[in-house]
Protein backbone atom coordinates (compact mmCIF):
# COMPACT_ATOMS: atom_id res chain seq x y z
CA MET A 1 111.53 117.74 117.75
CA ASN A 2 108.72 115.66 116.28
CA PRO A 3 110.48 112.71 114.55
CA LEU A 4 107.90 112.70 111.76
CA MET A 5 108.46 116.34 110.86
CA PRO A 6 110.53 117.01 107.72
CA SER A 7 113.84 118.80 107.85
CA PRO A 8 113.70 122.48 106.76
CA ASP A 9 115.32 121.78 103.41
CA ARG A 10 114.35 118.21 102.63
CA ASP A 11 111.06 116.42 103.24
CA THR A 12 112.30 112.86 102.70
CA ARG A 13 115.21 112.65 105.15
CA PRO A 14 115.03 109.35 107.10
CA ILE A 15 113.98 110.01 110.67
CA ALA A 16 116.47 109.38 113.46
CA ALA A 17 114.06 108.06 116.10
CA PRO A 18 112.31 104.68 115.73
CA PRO A 19 109.24 105.23 113.54
CA ALA A 20 105.70 104.43 114.58
CA ARG A 21 104.97 100.86 113.56
CA ARG A 22 101.28 101.40 112.84
CA LEU A 23 100.66 104.96 111.71
CA ALA A 24 97.29 106.42 110.67
CA LEU A 25 96.94 109.64 108.69
CA TYR A 26 93.75 111.66 109.06
CA GLY A 27 93.41 114.30 106.37
CA GLY A 28 90.67 116.88 106.02
CA SER A 29 89.82 120.55 106.23
CA PHE A 30 88.97 120.44 109.97
CA ASP A 31 87.01 123.65 109.45
CA PRO A 32 86.52 123.49 112.41
CA VAL A 33 87.61 120.33 114.21
CA HIS A 34 84.70 118.86 116.17
CA LEU A 35 83.86 115.98 118.49
CA GLY A 36 83.00 113.72 115.54
CA HIS A 37 86.61 113.99 114.33
CA LEU A 38 87.91 113.21 117.81
CA LEU A 39 85.63 110.19 118.22
CA VAL A 40 86.80 108.84 114.86
CA ALA A 41 90.43 109.29 115.90
CA GLN A 42 89.88 107.52 119.21
CA ALA A 43 88.05 104.65 117.51
CA ALA A 44 90.88 104.25 114.99
CA LEU A 45 93.51 104.34 117.74
CA GLU A 46 91.80 101.52 119.63
CA GLU A 47 90.45 99.35 116.80
CA LEU A 48 93.65 99.42 114.72
CA SER A 49 96.04 99.22 117.70
CA LEU A 50 97.83 102.29 116.38
CA ASP A 51 101.11 103.61 117.67
CA ARG A 52 100.35 107.10 116.37
CA LEU A 53 97.63 109.03 114.54
CA VAL A 54 98.42 112.25 112.67
CA PHE A 55 95.86 114.95 111.82
CA ILE A 56 96.76 116.66 108.53
CA PRO A 57 94.70 119.76 107.70
CA ALA A 58 94.53 120.45 103.96
CA ALA A 59 95.54 123.75 102.42
CA GLN A 60 92.71 123.31 99.88
CA SER A 61 90.63 120.16 99.57
CA PRO A 62 90.32 118.77 96.02
CA PHE A 63 86.74 117.84 96.96
CA LYS A 64 85.82 121.47 97.69
CA PRO A 65 87.46 123.52 94.92
CA GLY A 66 85.14 126.50 95.32
CA SER A 67 85.30 126.77 99.10
CA GLU A 68 87.39 129.13 101.18
CA PRO A 69 88.24 127.42 104.48
CA ALA A 70 89.12 129.32 107.63
CA PRO A 71 92.74 130.50 107.69
CA PRO A 72 95.21 127.62 108.05
CA ALA A 73 96.77 129.16 111.16
CA ALA A 74 93.36 129.12 112.89
CA ARG A 75 92.55 125.54 111.88
CA LEU A 76 95.97 124.36 113.07
CA ARG A 77 95.57 126.22 116.37
CA TRP A 78 92.13 124.70 116.98
CA LEU A 79 93.44 121.22 116.30
CA ARG A 80 96.27 121.71 118.78
CA LEU A 81 93.82 122.98 121.38
CA ALA A 82 91.55 119.98 120.78
CA LEU A 83 94.40 117.49 121.07
CA ALA A 84 96.24 119.04 124.02
CA GLY A 85 97.39 116.39 126.47
CA ARG A 86 97.02 113.55 123.94
CA PRO A 87 100.59 112.60 122.88
CA GLU A 88 99.31 109.70 120.77
CA PHE A 89 97.77 112.28 118.42
CA GLU A 90 99.82 114.76 116.40
CA VAL A 91 99.13 117.67 114.07
CA GLU A 92 101.18 117.94 110.87
CA ASP A 93 101.18 121.16 108.81
CA LEU A 94 102.82 119.59 105.74
CA GLU A 95 99.91 120.29 103.37
CA VAL A 96 99.44 123.83 104.65
CA ARG A 97 103.12 124.57 104.08
CA ARG A 98 102.99 122.98 100.65
CA GLY A 99 100.03 125.17 99.67
CA GLY A 100 97.72 124.77 96.68
CA VAL A 101 95.40 121.79 96.31
CA SER A 102 96.29 119.05 98.79
CA TYR A 103 96.61 115.63 97.13
CA THR A 104 96.68 112.53 99.32
CA ILE A 105 99.36 110.76 97.29
CA ASP A 106 101.88 113.55 97.91
CA THR A 107 101.34 113.36 101.66
CA VAL A 108 101.40 109.57 101.80
CA ARG A 109 104.65 109.44 99.82
CA HIS A 110 106.18 111.88 102.30
CA PHE A 111 105.31 109.65 105.26
CA ALA A 112 106.32 106.48 103.42
CA ALA A 113 109.76 108.01 102.84
CA CYS A 114 110.14 109.41 106.36
CA ALA A 115 108.93 106.27 108.14
CA PRO A 116 109.66 103.40 105.72
CA ALA A 117 109.19 100.67 108.36
CA SER A 118 105.68 101.80 109.31
CA GLU A 119 102.38 100.31 108.20
CA LEU A 120 100.33 103.23 106.90
CA PHE A 121 96.57 103.75 107.20
CA TRP A 122 94.51 106.57 105.67
CA LEU A 123 91.17 107.54 107.23
CA ILE A 124 88.47 108.21 104.65
CA GLY A 125 84.76 109.01 104.85
CA ALA A 126 82.49 106.35 103.36
CA ASP A 127 81.06 108.95 100.97
CA HIS A 128 84.50 109.35 99.35
CA VAL A 129 85.24 105.63 98.92
CA PRO A 130 83.51 105.30 95.49
CA THR A 131 85.76 108.07 94.13
CA LEU A 132 89.05 106.41 95.11
CA PRO A 133 89.88 105.02 91.64
CA ARG A 134 89.76 108.61 90.33
CA TRP A 135 92.17 110.03 92.92
CA ARG A 136 95.55 111.25 91.71
CA ASP A 137 97.96 108.29 91.21
CA ALA A 138 95.26 106.00 92.62
CA GLU A 139 97.11 102.73 91.96
CA ALA A 140 100.26 103.95 93.70
CA LEU A 141 98.19 105.20 96.62
CA ALA A 142 96.42 101.85 96.96
CA ALA A 143 99.79 100.10 97.20
CA LEU A 144 100.96 102.36 100.04
CA VAL A 145 98.05 102.49 102.48
CA THR A 146 95.14 100.62 103.96
CA PHE A 147 92.04 102.81 103.77
CA VAL A 148 90.13 102.99 107.04
CA VAL A 149 86.50 103.78 106.21
CA ILE A 150 84.58 106.13 108.49
CA PRO A 151 80.89 105.11 108.27
CA ARG A 152 78.43 107.77 107.10
CA PRO A 153 74.66 107.49 107.58
CA GLY A 154 72.99 106.37 104.35
CA CYS A 155 76.22 105.45 102.53
CA PRO A 156 76.04 101.90 101.15
CA GLU A 157 79.08 99.65 101.19
CA THR A 158 81.25 100.11 98.10
CA VAL A 159 83.02 97.25 96.34
CA LEU A 160 86.40 98.27 94.92
CA PRO A 161 89.07 96.35 92.98
CA PRO A 162 91.17 93.98 95.12
CA ALA A 163 94.12 96.38 95.01
CA TYR A 164 92.29 98.62 97.51
CA ARG A 165 92.63 97.44 101.08
CA LEU A 166 89.63 98.62 103.10
CA GLN A 167 88.84 98.33 106.79
CA THR A 168 85.69 99.83 108.31
CA LEU A 169 85.60 101.46 111.74
CA ARG A 170 82.89 100.52 114.18
CA GLY A 171 83.45 103.65 116.26
CA TRP A 172 80.89 105.89 117.91
CA PRO A 173 78.75 107.57 115.26
CA LEU A 174 78.11 111.29 115.72
CA ALA A 175 76.07 112.85 112.93
CA VAL A 176 77.69 116.28 112.83
CA SER A 177 79.63 118.05 110.09
CA SER A 178 81.89 121.09 110.01
CA SER A 179 79.57 122.79 107.52
CA GLU A 180 76.67 122.40 109.98
CA LEU A 181 78.82 123.87 112.73
CA ARG A 182 79.75 126.89 110.59
CA GLU A 183 76.06 127.51 109.90
CA ARG A 184 75.21 127.27 113.59
CA ILE A 185 77.91 129.85 114.39
CA ARG A 186 76.77 132.20 111.61
CA THR A 187 73.20 132.06 112.90
CA GLY A 188 74.14 132.61 116.54
CA ARG A 189 73.53 129.09 117.82
CA THR A 190 75.92 127.42 120.25
CA VAL A 191 78.45 124.75 119.28
CA ALA A 192 79.74 124.29 122.81
CA HIS A 193 78.39 120.72 122.98
CA LEU A 194 79.81 119.76 119.57
CA VAL A 195 83.46 120.92 119.73
CA PRO A 196 86.05 120.83 122.54
CA TRP A 197 85.44 123.73 124.92
CA ALA A 198 88.82 125.35 124.16
CA VAL A 199 88.03 125.32 120.44
CA ALA A 200 84.54 126.78 121.00
CA GLU A 201 86.08 129.55 123.10
CA ALA A 202 88.74 130.33 120.48
CA ILE A 203 86.18 130.46 117.64
CA ALA A 204 83.95 132.78 119.65
CA THR A 205 86.86 135.05 120.56
CA GLU A 206 88.25 135.20 117.02
CA ARG A 207 84.80 135.51 115.37
CA THR A 208 86.13 133.42 112.49
CA TYR A 209 82.82 132.51 110.84
CA LEU A 210 80.95 135.77 111.45
């Protein structure tokens, strides 16, 4: 059993196994997961000396209230295909099971309760950094995590109040987005060079975006 998974009837039960000491949480729609996501995860793993990194697909992103992402079961399956053979990466379906709009503070509180000895990091795109003070329970969130900023082309550095701990990834920039991938699929263009081959094969077989 994954020691970070909640019990069936209680999400905040202390975990029995030793918790990850440096734990990064990577939230997003992952609609679909692509090589840019994987490069970001690898950069975070190395640059932050992480013990574990958890991918957390959202049920519904608060940043995209009018969008209808691919079915959660498909997005979870693609993530697991993409991360096969990488035990340092995990997929958590907490937000999908919770349903509704996925708020970061709810997820972070869950992990803070389940792994109280861990240092928590939250990966965030540079384009979202200026909005942080408006996030739900922003002050509580700032006290619980260090935000790891994923650089975006054309996004200037944002200065936030001292309560927000920010660290920027160097990483390997790959200018690709899930929305661009969905458009390529809808228009019959290949994504084989932009997503893991197993994910490309699954999307083609399931015809998710057609």
